[in-house]
Amino acid sequence: MFAKIEPNKNGNLVDSSVSTMRTTQKCNEIKTGLQEEVLAIASEKERVSE
């Protein structure tokens, strides 16, 4: 399947194919999960150091 590259409303070129959208969504979910974990670890370290 060929990528369908099109400019989005911000003018950035994006792949509008569904599989890429799913991949991007999954990456964003993973990134959000990692950010939450990092914040949890950071706040835990603060509590320990107090």
PDB file of N, CA and C in Angstrom:
ATOM      1  N   MET A   1       0.843  -1.191   0.000  1.00  0.00           N
ATOM      2  CA  MET A   1       0.000   0.000   0.000  1.00  0.00           C
ATOM      3  C   MET A   1       0.883   1.248   0.000  1.00  0.00           C
ATOM      4  N   PHE A   2       0.590   2.140  -0.902  1.00  0.00           N
ATOM      5  CA  PHE A   2       1.397   3.355  -0.994  1.00  0.00           C
ATOM      6  C   PHE A   2       0.926   4.396   0.008  1.00  0.00           C
ATOM      7  N   ALA A   3       1.857   5.135   0.529  1.00  0.00           N
ATOM      8  CA  ALA A   3       1.512   6.228   1.437  1.00  0.00           C
ATOM      9  C   ALA A   3       0.832   7.332   0.642  1.00  0.00           C
ATOM     10  N   LYS A   4      -0.116   7.959   1.258  1.00  0.00           N
ATOM     11  CA  LYS A   4      -0.832   9.070   0.625  1.00  0.00           C
ATOM     12  C   LYS A   4      -0.415  10.340   1.362  1.00  0.00           C
ATOM     13  N   ILE A   5       0.610  10.999   0.842  1.00  0.00           N
ATOM     14  CA  ILE A   5       1.171  12.176   1.508  1.00  0.00           C
ATOM     15  C   ILE A   5       0.406  13.422   1.062  1.00  0.00           C
ATOM     16  N   GLU A   6      -0.139  14.142   2.020  1.00  0.00           N
ATOM     17  CA  GLU A   6      -0.886  15.362   1.726  1.00  0.00           C
ATOM     18  C   GLU A   6      -0.578  16.410   2.784  1.00  0.00           C
ATOM     19  N   PRO A   7      -0.641  17.691   2.417  1.00  0.00           N
ATOM     20  CA  PRO A   7      -0.474  18.721   3.447  1.00  0.00           C
ATOM     21  C   PRO A   7      -1.711  18.775   4.340  1.00  0.00           C
ATOM     22  N   ASN A   8      -1.502  18.857   5.646  1.00  0.00           N
ATOM     23  CA  ASN A   8      -2.638  19.007   6.552  1.00  0.00           C
ATOM     24  C   ASN A   8      -2.943  20.488   6.721  1.00  0.00           C
ATOM     25  N   LYS A   9      -3.894  20.819   7.609  1.00  0.00           N
ATOM     26  CA  LYS A   9      -4.310  22.226   7.742  1.00  0.00           C
ATOM     27  C   LYS A   9      -3.187  23.125   8.255  1.00  0.00           C
ATOM     28  N   ASN A  10      -2.160  22.560   8.902  1.00  0.00           N
ATOM     29  CA  ASN A  10      -1.021  23.352   9.368  1.00  0.00           C
ATOM     30  C   ASN A  10       0.046  23.524   8.290  1.00  0.00           C
ATOM     31  N   GLY A  11      -0.163  22.865   7.142  1.00  0.00           N
ATOM     32  CA  GLY A  11       0.801  22.971   6.061  1.00  0.00           C
ATOM     33  C   GLY A  11       1.889  21.914   6.129  1.00  0.00           C
ATOM     34  N   ASN A  12       1.834  21.043   7.143  1.00  0.00           N
ATOM     35  CA  ASN A  12       2.820  19.969   7.239  1.00  0.00           C
ATOM     36  C   ASN A  12       2.401  18.822   6.335  1.00  0.00           C
ATOM     37  N   LEU A  13       3.378  18.152   5.742  1.00  0.00           N
ATOM     38  CA  LEU A  13       3.059  16.991   4.918  1.00  0.00           C
ATOM     39  C   LEU A  13       2.817  15.800   5.832  1.00  0.00           C
ATOM     40  N   VAL A  14       1.674  15.169   5.654  1.00  0.00           N
ATOM     41  CA  VAL A  14       1.333  14.023   6.490  1.00  0.00           C
ATOM     42  C   VAL A  14       0.864  12.870   5.621  1.00  0.00           C
ATOM     43  N   ASP A  15       1.053  11.666   6.121  1.00  0.00           N
ATOM     44  CA  ASP A  15       0.567  10.466   5.451  1.00  0.00           C
ATOM     45  C   ASP A  15      -0.861  10.242   5.916  1.00  0.00           C
ATOM     46  N   SER A  16      -1.807  10.374   5.005  1.00  0.00           N
ATOM     47  CA  SER A  16      -3.211  10.285   5.392  1.00  0.00           C
ATOM     48  C   SER A  16      -3.753   8.856   5.316  1.00  0.00           C
ATOM     49  N   SER A  17      -2.886   7.871   5.073  1.00  0.00           N
ATOM     50  CA  SER A  17      -3.367   6.492   5.034  1.00  0.00           C
ATOM     51  C   SER A  17      -3.739   6.030   6.439  1.00  0.00           C
ATOM     52  N   VAL A  18      -4.713   5.159   6.525  1.00  0.00           N
ATOM     53  CA  VAL A  18      -5.277   4.749   7.815  1.00  0.00           C
ATOM     54  C   VAL A  18      -4.243   4.046   8.685  1.00  0.00           C
ATOM     55  N   SER A  19      -3.408   3.201   8.089  1.00  0.00           N
ATOM     56  CA  SER A  19      -2.435   2.445   8.883  1.00  0.00           C
ATOM     57  C   SER A  19      -1.468   3.375   9.600  1.00  0.00           C
ATOM     58  N   THR A  20      -1.076   4.450   8.931  1.00  0.00           N
ATOM     59  CA  THR A  20      -0.164   5.411   9.555  1.00  0.00           C
ATOM     60  C   THR A  20      -0.858   6.147  10.683  1.00  0.00           C
ATOM     61  N   MET A  21      -2.140   6.473  10.488  1.00  0.00           N
ATOM     62  CA  MET A  21      -2.896   7.146  11.545  1.00  0.00           C
ATOM     63  C   MET A  21      -2.965   6.253  12.776  1.00  0.00           C
ATOM     64  N   ARG A  22      -3.194   4.964  12.564  1.00  0.00           N
ATOM     65  CA  ARG A  22      -3.243   4.018  13.684  1.00  0.00           C
ATOM     66  C   ARG A  22      -1.896   3.950  14.383  1.00  0.00           C
ATOM     67  N   THR A  23      -0.826   3.891  13.598  1.00  0.00           N
ATOM     68  CA  THR A  23       0.527   3.825  14.164  1.00  0.00           C
ATOM     69  C   THR A  23       0.822   5.078  14.973  1.00  0.00           C
ATOM     70  N   THR A  24       0.473   6.225  14.418  1.00  0.00           N
ATOM     71  CA  THR A  24       0.696   7.497  15.112  1.00  0.00           C
ATOM     72  C   THR A  24      -0.089   7.532  16.408  1.00  0.00           C
ATOM     73  N   GLN A  25      -1.336   7.063  16.362  1.00  0.00           N
ATOM     74  CA  GLN A  25      -2.171   7.047  17.568  1.00  0.00           C
ATOM     75  C   GLN A  25      -1.540   6.148  18.620  1.00  0.00           C
ATOM     76  N   LYS A  26      -1.053   4.974  18.199  1.00  0.00           N
ATOM     77  CA  LYS A  26      -0.426   4.038  19.135  1.00  0.00           C
ATOM     78  C   LYS A  26       0.830   4.660  19.737  1.00  0.00           C
ATOM     79  N   CYS A  27       1.636   5.315  18.910  1.00  0.00           N
ATOM     80  CA  CYS A  27       2.853   5.982  19.406  1.00  0.00           C
ATOM     81  C   CYS A  27       2.503   7.056  20.421  1.00  0.00           C
ATOM     82  N   ASN A  28       1.455   7.823  20.148  1.00  0.00           N
ATOM     83  CA  ASN A  28       1.038   8.870  21.080  1.00  0.00           C
ATOM     84  C   ASN A  28       0.566   8.271  22.396  1.00  0.00           C
ATOM     85  N   GLU A  29      -0.152   7.131  22.332  1.00  0.00           N
ATOM     86  CA  GLU A  29      -0.602   6.461  23.553  1.00  0.00           C
ATOM     87  C   GLU A  29       0.597   6.002  24.372  1.00  0.00           C
ATOM     88  N   ILE A  30       1.592   5.420  23.706  1.00  0.00           N
ATOM     89  CA  ILE A  30       2.796   4.944  24.396  1.00  0.00           C
ATOM     90  C   ILE A  30       3.538   6.124  25.009  1.00  0.00           C
ATOM     91  N   LYS A  31       3.674   7.212  24.235  1.00  0.00           N
ATOM     92  CA  LYS A  31       4.387   8.403  24.709  1.00  0.00           C
ATOM     93  C   LYS A  31       3.699   8.985  25.943  1.00  0.00           C
ATOM     94  N   THR A  32       2.367   9.051  25.905  1.00  0.00           N
ATOM     95  CA  THR A  32       1.609   9.568  27.045  1.00  0.00           C
ATOM     96  C   THR A  32       1.828   8.683  28.259  1.00  0.00           C
ATOM     97  N   GLY A  33       1.801   7.376  28.059  1.00  0.00           N
ATOM     98  CA  GLY A  33       2.035   6.436  29.152  1.00  0.00           C
ATOM     99  C   GLY A  33       3.415   6.611  29.757  1.00  0.00           C
ATOM    100  N   LEU A  34       4.418   6.794  28.907  1.00  0.00           N
ATOM    101  CA  LEU A  34       5.790   6.990  29.393  1.00  0.00           C
ATOM    102  C   LEU A  34       5.913   8.296  30.162  1.00  0.00           C
ATOM    103  N   GLN A  35       5.285   9.354  29.661  1.00  0.00           N
ATOM    104  CA  GLN A  35       5.334  10.648  30.350  1.00  0.00           C
ATOM    105  C   GLN A  35       4.703  10.525  31.732  1.00  0.00           C
ATOM    106  N   GLU A  36       3.585   9.798  31.834  1.00  0.00           N
ATOM    107  CA  GLU A  36       2.922   9.610  33.126  1.00  0.00           C
ATOM    108  C   GLU A  36       3.829   8.842  34.077  1.00  0.00           C
ATOM    109  N   GLU A  37       4.510   7.820  33.558  1.00  0.00           N
ATOM    110  CA  GLU A  37       5.431   7.041  34.395  1.00  0.00           C
ATOM    111  C   GLU A  37       6.582   7.903  34.895  1.00  0.00           C
ATOM    112  N   VAL A  38       7.146   8.716  34.002  1.00  0.00           N
ATOM    113  CA  VAL A  38       8.266   9.585  34.378  1.00  0.00           C
ATOM    114  C   VAL A  38       7.826  10.570  35.460  1.00  0.00           C
ATOM    115  N   LEU A  39       6.643  11.143  35.298  1.00  0.00           N
ATOM    116  CA  LEU A  39       6.125  12.080  36.305  1.00  0.00           C
ATOM    117  C   LEU A  39       5.913  11.378  37.639  1.00  0.00           C
ATOM    118  N   ALA A  40       5.401  10.156  37.598  1.00  0.00           N
ATOM    119  CA  ALA A  40       5.175   9.397  38.826  1.00  0.00           C
ATOM    120  C   ALA A  40       6.500   9.116  39.530  1.00  0.00           C
ATOM    121  N   ILE A  41       7.519   8.734  38.765  1.00  0.00           N
ATOM    122  CA  ILE A  41       8.843   8.453  39.344  1.00  0.00           C
ATOM    123  C   ILE A  41       9.434   9.735  39.928  1.00  0.00           C
ATOM    124  N   ALA A  42       9.304  10.842  39.200  1.00  0.00           N
ATOM    125  CA  ALA A  42       9.847  12.124  39.668  1.00  0.00           C
ATOM    126  C   ALA A  42       9.180  12.557  40.965  1.00  0.00           C
ATOM    127  N   SER A  43       7.861  12.426  41.046  1.00  0.00           N
ATOM    128  CA  SER A  43       7.170  12.847  42.264  1.00  0.00           C
ATOM    129  C   SER A  43       7.495  11.905  43.420  1.00  0.00           C
ATOM    130  N   GLU A  44       7.726  10.638  43.116  1.00  0.00           N
ATOM    131  CA  GLU A  44       8.124   9.669  44.146  1.00  0.00           C
ATOM    132  C   GLU A  44       9.502  10.031  44.695  1.00  0.00           C
ATOM    133  N   LYS A  45      10.419  10.407  43.800  1.00  0.00           N
ATOM    134  CA  LYS A  45      11.772  10.804  44.227  1.00  0.00           C
ATOM    135  C   LYS A  45      11.708  12.045  45.112  1.00  0.00           C
ATOM    136  N   GLU A  46      10.851  12.997  44.755  1.00  0.00           N
ATOM    137  CA  GLU A  46      10.699  14.212  45.564  1.00  0.00           C
ATOM    138  C   GLU A  46      10.229  13.857  46.967  1.00  0.00           C
ATOM    139  N   ARG A  47       9.269  12.941  47.054  1.00  0.00           N
ATOM    140  CA  ARG A  47       8.740  12.544  48.361  1.00  0.00           C
ATOM    141  C   ARG A  47       9.823  11.881  49.204  1.00  0.00           C
ATOM    142  N   VAL A  48      10.640  11.058  48.559  1.00  0.00           N
ATOM    143  CA  VAL A  48      11.707  10.343  49.275  1.00  0.00           C
ATOM    144  C   VAL A  48      12.758  11.327  49.772  1.00  0.00           C
ATOM    145  N   SER A  49      13.080  12.341  48.959  1.00  0.00           N
ATOM    146  CA  SER A  49      14.150  13.274  49.325  1.00  0.00           C
ATOM    147  C   SER A  49      13.713  14.307  50.368  1.00  0.00           C
ATOM    148  N   GLU A  50      12.417  14.430  50.609  1.00  0.00           N
ATOM    149  CA  GLU A  50      11.944  15.417  51.599  1.00  0.00           C
ATOM    150  C   GLU A  50      12.231  14.980  53.015  1.00  0.00           C
TER     151      GLU A  50
END
